[in-house]
Amino acid sequence: ITEPQQYTSLDEKQKIRHQHTVLLTPYLDYRQ
């Protein structure tokens, strides 16, 4: 995945993006 901007953002800061059943999220750490 080289162009995450092609995924739709779920939040205003664009930390979580989705396309169909794929979610691009931050690493699993509470700071992120």
ModelCIF file with pLDDT and N, C-alpha, C, O atoms, coordinates in Angstrom:
data_MODEL
#
_entry.id   MODEL 
#
_entity.id                         1 
_entity.type                       polymer 
_entity.pdbx_number_of_molecules   1 
#
_entity_poly.entity_id                      1 
_entity_poly.type                           'polypeptide(L)' 
_entity_poly.nstd_linkage                   no 
_entity_poly.nstd_monomer                   no 
_entity_poly.pdbx_seq_one_letter_code       ITEPQQYTSLDEKQKIRHQHTVLLTPYLDYRQ 
_entity_poly.pdbx_seq_one_letter_code_can   ITEPQQYTSLDEKQKIRHQHTVLLTPYLDYRQ 
_entity_poly.pdbx_strand_id                 A 
#
loop_
_entity_poly_seq.entity_id 
_entity_poly_seq.num 
_entity_poly_seq.mon_id 
_entity_poly_seq.hetero 
1 1  ILE n 
1 2  THR n 
1 3  GLU n 
1 4  PRO n 
1 5  GLN n 
1 6  GLN n 
1 7  TYR n 
1 8  THR n 
1 9  SER n 
1 10 LEU n 
1 11 ASP n 
1 12 GLU n 
1 13 LYS n 
1 14 GLN n 
1 15 LYS n 
1 16 ILE n 
1 17 ARG n 
1 18 HIS n 
1 19 GLN n 
1 20 HIS n 
1 21 THR n 
1 22 VAL n 
1 23 LEU n 
1 24 LEU n 
1 25 THR n 
1 26 PRO n 
1 27 TYR n 
1 28 LEU n 
1 29 ASP n 
1 30 TYR n 
1 31 ARG n 
1 32 GLN n 
#
_struct_asym.id          A 
_struct_asym.entity_id   1 
#
loop_
_ma_qa_metric.id 
_ma_qa_metric.mode 
_ma_qa_metric.name 
_ma_qa_metric.software_group_id 
_ma_qa_metric.type 
1 global pLDDT . pLDDT 
2 local  pLDDT . pLDDT 
#
_ma_qa_metric_global.metric_id      1 
_ma_qa_metric_global.metric_value   92.69 
_ma_qa_metric_global.model_id       1 
_ma_qa_metric_global.ordinal_id     1 
#
loop_
_ma_qa_metric_local.label_asym_id 
_ma_qa_metric_local.label_comp_id 
_ma_qa_metric_local.label_seq_id 
_ma_qa_metric_local.metric_id 
_ma_qa_metric_local.metric_value 
_ma_qa_metric_local.model_id 
_ma_qa_metric_local.ordinal_id 
A ILE 1  2 89.00 1 1  
A THR 2  2 83.00 1 2  
A GLU 3  2 87.00 1 3  
A PRO 4  2 88.00 1 4  
A GLN 5  2 88.00 1 5  
A GLN 6  2 90.00 1 6  
A TYR 7  2 94.00 1 7  
A THR 8  2 94.00 1 8  
A SER 9  2 94.00 1 9  
A LEU 10 2 93.00 1 10 
A ASP 11 2 91.00 1 11 
A GLU 12 2 91.00 1 12 
A LYS 13 2 91.00 1 13 
A GLN 14 2 92.00 1 14 
A LYS 15 2 94.00 1 15 
A ILE 16 2 96.00 1 16 
A ARG 17 2 96.00 1 17 
A HIS 18 2 95.00 1 18 
A GLN 19 2 94.00 1 19 
A HIS 20 2 93.00 1 20 
A THR 21 2 95.00 1 21 
A VAL 22 2 96.00 1 22 
A LEU 23 2 97.00 1 23 
A LEU 24 2 97.00 1 24 
A THR 25 2 97.00 1 25 
A PRO 26 2 96.00 1 26 
A TYR 27 2 96.00 1 27 
A LEU 28 2 95.00 1 28 
A ASP 29 2 92.00 1 29 
A TYR 30 2 89.00 1 30 
A ARG 31 2 91.00 1 31 
A GLN 32 2 92.00 1 32 
#
loop_
_atom_site.group_PDB 
_atom_site.id 
_atom_site.type_symbol 
_atom_site.label_atom_id 
_atom_site.label_alt_id 
_atom_site.label_comp_id 
_atom_site.label_asym_id 
_atom_site.label_entity_id 
_atom_site.label_seq_id 
_atom_site.pdbx_PDB_ins_code 
_atom_site.Cartn_x 
_atom_site.Cartn_y 
_atom_site.Cartn_z 
_atom_site.occupancy 
_atom_site.B_iso_or_equiv 
_atom_site.pdbx_formal_charge 
_atom_site.auth_seq_id 
_atom_site.auth_comp_id 
_atom_site.auth_asym_id 
_atom_site.auth_atom_id 
_atom_site.pdbx_PDB_model_num 
ATOM 1   N N  . ILE A 1 1  ? 0.863   -1.184 0.000  1.00 89.00 ? 1  ILE A N  1 
ATOM 2   C CA . ILE A 1 1  ? 0.000   0.000  0.000  1.00 89.00 ? 1  ILE A CA 1 
ATOM 3   C C  . ILE A 1 1  ? 0.898   1.232  0.000  1.00 89.00 ? 1  ILE A C  1 
ATOM 4   O O  . ILE A 1 1  ? 1.462   1.620  1.023  1.00 89.00 ? 1  ILE A O  1 
ATOM 5   N N  . THR A 1 2  ? 1.010   1.825  -1.173 1.00 83.00 ? 2  THR A N  1 
ATOM 6   C CA . THR A 1 2  ? 1.907   2.967  -1.345 1.00 83.00 ? 2  THR A CA 1 
ATOM 7   C C  . THR A 1 2  ? 1.160   4.293  -1.392 1.00 83.00 ? 2  THR A C  1 
ATOM 8   O O  . THR A 1 2  ? 1.764   5.358  -1.266 1.00 83.00 ? 2  THR A O  1 
ATOM 9   N N  . GLU A 1 3  ? -0.150  4.225  -1.574 1.00 87.00 ? 3  GLU A N  1 
ATOM 10  C CA . GLU A 1 3  ? -0.946  5.450  -1.640 1.00 87.00 ? 3  GLU A CA 1 
ATOM 11  C C  . GLU A 1 3  ? -2.156  5.353  -0.701 1.00 87.00 ? 3  GLU A C  1 
ATOM 12  O O  . GLU A 1 3  ? -3.284  5.159  -1.156 1.00 87.00 ? 3  GLU A O  1 
ATOM 13  N N  . PRO A 1 4  ? -1.917  5.488  0.606  1.00 88.00 ? 4  PRO A N  1 
ATOM 14  C CA . PRO A 1 4  ? -3.030  5.366  1.560  1.00 88.00 ? 4  PRO A CA 1 
ATOM 15  C C  . PRO A 1 4  ? -4.092  6.442  1.376  1.00 88.00 ? 4  PRO A C  1 
ATOM 16  O O  . PRO A 1 4  ? -5.227  6.268  1.821  1.00 88.00 ? 4  PRO A O  1 
ATOM 17  N N  . GLN A 1 5  ? -3.740  7.556  0.724  1.00 88.00 ? 5  GLN A N  1 
ATOM 18  C CA . GLN A 1 5  ? -4.728  8.601  0.507  1.00 88.00 ? 5  GLN A CA 1 
ATOM 19  C C  . GLN A 1 5  ? -5.859  8.137  -0.412 1.00 88.00 ? 5  GLN A C  1 
ATOM 20  O O  . GLN A 1 5  ? -6.883  8.813  -0.506 1.00 88.00 ? 5  GLN A O  1 
ATOM 21  N N  . GLN A 1 6  ? -5.695  7.004  -1.087 1.00 90.00 ? 6  GLN A N  1 
ATOM 22  C CA . GLN A 1 6  ? -6.772  6.446  -1.901 1.00 90.00 ? 6  GLN A CA 1 
ATOM 23  C C  . GLN A 1 6  ? -7.839  5.775  -1.029 1.00 90.00 ? 6  GLN A C  1 
ATOM 24  O O  . GLN A 1 6  ? -8.914  5.419  -1.513 1.00 90.00 ? 6  GLN A O  1 
ATOM 25  N N  . TYR A 1 7  ? -7.533  5.608  0.245  1.00 94.00 ? 7  TYR A N  1 
ATOM 26  C CA . TYR A 1 7  ? -8.478  5.025  1.194  1.00 94.00 ? 7  TYR A CA 1 
ATOM 27  C C  . TYR A 1 7  ? -9.262  6.173  1.836  1.00 94.00 ? 7  TYR A C  1 
ATOM 28  O O  . TYR A 1 7  ? -8.738  7.278  1.982  1.00 94.00 ? 7  TYR A O  1 
ATOM 29  N N  . THR A 1 8  ? -10.503 5.914  2.216  1.00 94.00 ? 8  THR A N  1 
ATOM 30  C CA . THR A 1 8  ? -11.364 6.924  2.823  1.00 94.00 ? 8  THR A CA 1 
ATOM 31  C C  . THR A 1 8  ? -11.041 7.066  4.303  1.00 94.00 ? 8  THR A C  1 
ATOM 32  O O  . THR A 1 8  ? -10.916 6.066  5.011  1.00 94.00 ? 8  THR A O  1 
ATOM 33  N N  . SER A 1 9  ? -10.906 8.287  4.770  1.00 94.00 ? 9  SER A N  1 
ATOM 34  C CA . SER A 1 9  ? -10.581 8.546  6.169  1.00 94.00 ? 9  SER A CA 1 
ATOM 35  C C  . SER A 1 9  ? -11.823 8.404  7.048  1.00 94.00 ? 9  SER A C  1 
ATOM 36  O O  . SER A 1 9  ? -12.916 8.825  6.669  1.00 94.00 ? 9  SER A O  1 
ATOM 37  N N  . LEU A 1 10 ? -11.641 7.807  8.226  1.00 93.00 ? 10 LEU A N  1 
ATOM 38  C CA . LEU A 1 10 ? -12.726 7.696  9.202  1.00 93.00 ? 10 LEU A CA 1 
ATOM 39  C C  . LEU A 1 10 ? -12.719 8.844  10.201 1.00 93.00 ? 10 LEU A C  1 
ATOM 40  O O  . LEU A 1 10 ? -13.730 9.104  10.853 1.00 93.00 ? 10 LEU A O  1 
ATOM 41  N N  . ASP A 1 11 ? -11.594 9.531  10.325 1.00 91.00 ? 11 ASP A N  1 
ATOM 42  C CA . ASP A 1 11 ? -11.469 10.605 11.310 1.00 91.00 ? 11 ASP A CA 1 
ATOM 43  C C  . ASP A 1 11 ? -10.848 11.836 10.664 1.00 91.00 ? 11 ASP A C  1 
ATOM 44  O O  . ASP A 1 11 ? -10.213 11.741 9.614  1.00 91.00 ? 11 ASP A O  1 
ATOM 45  N N  . GLU A 1 12 ? -11.032 12.968 11.283 1.00 91.00 ? 12 GLU A N  1 
ATOM 46  C CA . GLU A 1 12 ? -10.552 14.222 10.691 1.00 91.00 ? 12 GLU A CA 1 
ATOM 47  C C  . GLU A 1 12 ? -9.030  14.315 10.628 1.00 91.00 ? 12 GLU A C  1 
ATOM 48  O O  . GLU A 1 12 ? -8.491  15.024 9.778  1.00 91.00 ? 12 GLU A O  1 
ATOM 49  N N  . LYS A 1 13 ? -8.334  13.612 11.512 1.00 91.00 ? 13 LYS A N  1 
ATOM 50  C CA . LYS A 1 13 ? -6.864  13.630 11.473 1.00 91.00 ? 13 LYS A CA 1 
ATOM 51  C C  . LYS A 1 13 ? -6.298  12.558 10.536 1.00 91.00 ? 13 LYS A C  1 
ATOM 52  O O  . LYS A 1 13 ? -5.082  12.438 10.385 1.00 91.00 ? 13 LYS A O  1 
ATOM 53  N N  . GLN A 1 14 ? -7.180  11.790 9.916  1.00 92.00 ? 14 GLN A N  1 
ATOM 54  C CA . GLN A 1 14 ? -6.833  10.760 8.939  1.00 92.00 ? 14 GLN A CA 1 
ATOM 55  C C  . GLN A 1 14 ? -5.898  9.691  9.508  1.00 92.00 ? 14 GLN A C  1 
ATOM 56  O O  . GLN A 1 14 ? -4.999  9.203  8.823  1.00 92.00 ? 14 GLN A O  1 
ATOM 57  N N  . LYS A 1 15 ? -6.128  9.342  10.760 1.00 94.00 ? 15 LYS A N  1 
ATOM 58  C CA . LYS A 1 15 ? -5.322  8.302  11.392 1.00 94.00 ? 15 LYS A CA 1 
ATOM 59  C C  . LYS A 1 15 ? -5.817  6.905  11.025 1.00 94.00 ? 15 LYS A C  1 
ATOM 60  O O  . LYS A 1 15 ? -5.043  5.948  11.020 1.00 94.00 ? 15 LYS A O  1 
ATOM 61  N N  . ILE A 1 16 ? -7.118  6.793  10.715 1.00 96.00 ? 16 ILE A N  1 
ATOM 62  C CA . ILE A 1 16 ? -7.687  5.515  10.291 1.00 96.00 ? 16 ILE A CA 1 
ATOM 63  C C  . ILE A 1 16 ? -8.344  5.721  8.931  1.00 96.00 ? 16 ILE A C  1 
ATOM 64  O O  . ILE A 1 16 ? -9.172  6.613  8.743  1.00 96.00 ? 16 ILE A O  1 
ATOM 65  N N  . ARG A 1 17 ? -7.951  4.872  8.000  1.00 96.00 ? 17 ARG A N  1 
ATOM 66  C CA . ARG A 1 17 ? -8.512  4.932  6.646  1.00 96.00 ? 17 ARG A CA 1 
ATOM 67  C C  . ARG A 1 17 ? -9.073  3.558  6.313  1.00 96.00 ? 17 ARG A C  1 
ATOM 68  O O  . ARG A 1 17 ? -8.614  2.544  6.840  1.00 96.00 ? 17 ARG A O  1 
ATOM 69  N N  . HIS A 1 18 ? -10.074 3.532  5.430  1.00 95.00 ? 18 HIS A N  1 
ATOM 70  C CA . HIS A 1 18 ? -10.660 2.244  5.076  1.00 95.00 ? 18 HIS A CA 1 
ATOM 71  C C  . HIS A 1 18 ? -10.998 2.167  3.599  1.00 95.00 ? 18 HIS A C  1 
ATOM 72  O O  . HIS A 1 18 ? -11.179 3.175  2.916  1.00 95.00 ? 18 HIS A O  1 
ATOM 73  N N  . GLN A 1 19 ? -11.075 0.930  3.139  1.00 94.00 ? 19 GLN A N  1 
ATOM 74  C CA . GLN A 1 19 ? -11.551 0.613  1.805  1.00 94.00 ? 19 GLN A CA 1 
ATOM 75  C C  . GLN A 1 19 ? -12.105 -0.809 1.896  1.00 94.00 ? 19 GLN A C  1 
ATOM 76  O O  . GLN A 1 19 ? -11.367 -1.759 2.153  1.00 94.00 ? 19 GLN A O  1 
ATOM 77  N N  . HIS A 1 20 ? -13.389 -0.936 1.686  1.00 93.00 ? 20 HIS A N  1 
ATOM 78  C CA . HIS A 1 20 ? -14.082 -2.225 1.831  1.00 93.00 ? 20 HIS A CA 1 
ATOM 79  C C  . HIS A 1 20 ? -13.832 -2.776 3.236  1.00 93.00 ? 20 HIS A C  1 
ATOM 80  O O  . HIS A 1 20 ? -14.234 -2.152 4.218  1.00 93.00 ? 20 HIS A O  1 
ATOM 81  N N  . THR A 1 21 ? -13.172 -3.940 3.348  1.00 95.00 ? 21 THR A N  1 
ATOM 82  C CA . THR A 1 21 ? -12.932 -4.538 4.669  1.00 95.00 ? 21 THR A CA 1 
ATOM 83  C C  . THR A 1 21 ? -11.487 -4.355 5.140  1.00 95.00 ? 21 THR A C  1 
ATOM 84  O O  . THR A 1 21 ? -11.019 -5.077 6.021  1.00 95.00 ? 21 THR A O  1 
ATOM 85  N N  . VAL A 1 22 ? -10.799 -3.404 4.559  1.00 96.00 ? 22 VAL A N  1 
ATOM 86  C CA . VAL A 1 22 ? -9.413  -3.133 4.946  1.00 96.00 ? 22 VAL A CA 1 
ATOM 87  C C  . VAL A 1 22 ? -9.359  -1.814 5.701  1.00 96.00 ? 22 VAL A C  1 
ATOM 88  O O  . VAL A 1 22 ? -9.876  -0.795 5.242  1.00 96.00 ? 22 VAL A O  1 
ATOM 89  N N  . LEU A 1 23 ? -8.721  -1.852 6.875  1.00 97.00 ? 23 LEU A N  1 
ATOM 90  C CA . LEU A 1 23 ? -8.515  -0.649 7.680  1.00 97.00 ? 23 LEU A CA 1 
ATOM 91  C C  . LEU A 1 23 ? -7.015  -0.406 7.832  1.00 97.00 ? 23 LEU A C  1 
ATOM 92  O O  . LEU A 1 23 ? -6.265  -1.291 8.246  1.00 97.00 ? 23 LEU A O  1 
ATOM 93  N N  . LEU A 1 24 ? -6.600  0.800  7.493  1.00 97.00 ? 24 LEU A N  1 
ATOM 94  C CA . LEU A 1 24 ? -5.227  1.217  7.727  1.00 97.00 ? 24 LEU A CA 1 
ATOM 95  C C  . LEU A 1 24 ? -5.239  1.989  9.036  1.00 97.00 ? 24 LEU A C  1 
ATOM 96  O O  . LEU A 1 24 ? -5.878  3.036  9.137  1.00 97.00 ? 24 LEU A O  1 
ATOM 97  N N  . THR A 1 25 ? -4.541  1.479  10.030 1.00 97.00 ? 25 THR A N  1 
ATOM 98  C CA . THR A 1 25 ? -4.586  2.081  11.368 1.00 97.00 ? 25 THR A CA 1 
ATOM 99  C C  . THR A 1 25 ? -3.181  2.402  11.852 1.00 97.00 ? 25 THR A C  1 
ATOM 100 O O  . THR A 1 25 ? -2.193  1.964  11.263 1.00 97.00 ? 25 THR A O  1 
ATOM 101 N N  . PRO A 1 26 ? -3.105  3.168  12.923 1.00 96.00 ? 26 PRO A N  1 
ATOM 102 C CA . PRO A 1 26 ? -1.793  3.343  13.558 1.00 96.00 ? 26 PRO A CA 1 
ATOM 103 C C  . PRO A 1 26 ? -1.325  2.003  14.143 1.00 96.00 ? 26 PRO A C  1 
ATOM 104 O O  . PRO A 1 26 ? -2.098  1.053  14.258 1.00 96.00 ? 26 PRO A O  1 
ATOM 105 N N  . TYR A 1 27 ? -0.051  1.958  14.503 1.00 96.00 ? 27 TYR A N  1 
ATOM 106 C CA . TYR A 1 27 ? 0.488   0.801  15.201 1.00 96.00 ? 27 TYR A CA 1 
ATOM 107 C C  . TYR A 1 27 ? -0.263  0.624  16.518 1.00 96.00 ? 27 TYR A C  1 
ATOM 108 O O  . TYR A 1 27 ? -0.764  1.599  17.079 1.00 96.00 ? 27 TYR A O  1 
ATOM 109 N N  . LEU A 1 28 ? -0.344  -0.605 17.014 1.00 95.00 ? 28 LEU A N  1 
ATOM 110 C CA . LEU A 1 28 ? -1.125  -0.888 18.227 1.00 95.00 ? 28 LEU A CA 1 
ATOM 111 C C  . LEU A 1 28 ? -0.387  -0.462 19.492 1.00 95.00 ? 28 LEU A C  1 
ATOM 112 O O  . LEU A 1 28 ? 0.157   -1.286 20.227 1.00 95.00 ? 28 LEU A O  1 
ATOM 113 N N  . ASP A 1 29 ? -0.384  0.831  19.718 1.00 92.00 ? 29 ASP A N  1 
ATOM 114 C CA . ASP A 1 29 ? 0.216   1.428  20.896 1.00 92.00 ? 29 ASP A CA 1 
ATOM 115 C C  . ASP A 1 29 ? -0.688  2.593  21.299 1.00 92.00 ? 29 ASP A C  1 
ATOM 116 O O  . ASP A 1 29 ? -1.146  3.338  20.433 1.00 92.00 ? 29 ASP A O  1 
ATOM 117 N N  . TYR A 1 30 ? -0.951  2.763  22.582 1.00 89.00 ? 30 TYR A N  1 
ATOM 118 C CA . TYR A 1 30 ? -1.895  3.793  23.033 1.00 89.00 ? 30 TYR A CA 1 
ATOM 119 C C  . TYR A 1 30 ? -1.479  5.213  22.662 1.00 89.00 ? 30 TYR A C  1 
ATOM 120 O O  . TYR A 1 30 ? -2.340  6.085  22.540 1.00 89.00 ? 30 TYR A O  1 
ATOM 121 N N  . ARG A 1 31 ? -0.195  5.466  22.483 1.00 91.00 ? 31 ARG A N  1 
ATOM 122 C CA . ARG A 1 31 ? 0.224   6.809  22.075 1.00 91.00 ? 31 ARG A CA 1 
ATOM 123 C C  . ARG A 1 31 ? -0.237  7.108  20.651 1.00 91.00 ? 31 ARG A C  1 
ATOM 124 O O  . ARG A 1 31 ? -0.503  8.258  20.303 1.00 91.00 ? 31 ARG A O  1 
ATOM 125 N N  . GLN A 1 32 ? -0.330  6.066  19.838 1.00 92.00 ? 32 GLN A N  1 
ATOM 126 C CA . GLN A 1 32 ? -0.751  6.244  18.444 1.00 92.00 ? 32 GLN A CA 1 
ATOM 127 C C  . GLN A 1 32 ? -2.215  5.865  18.229 1.00 92.00 ? 32 GLN A C  1 
ATOM 128 O O  . GLN A 1 32 ? -2.719  5.959  17.110 1.00 92.00 ? 32 GLN A O  1 
#
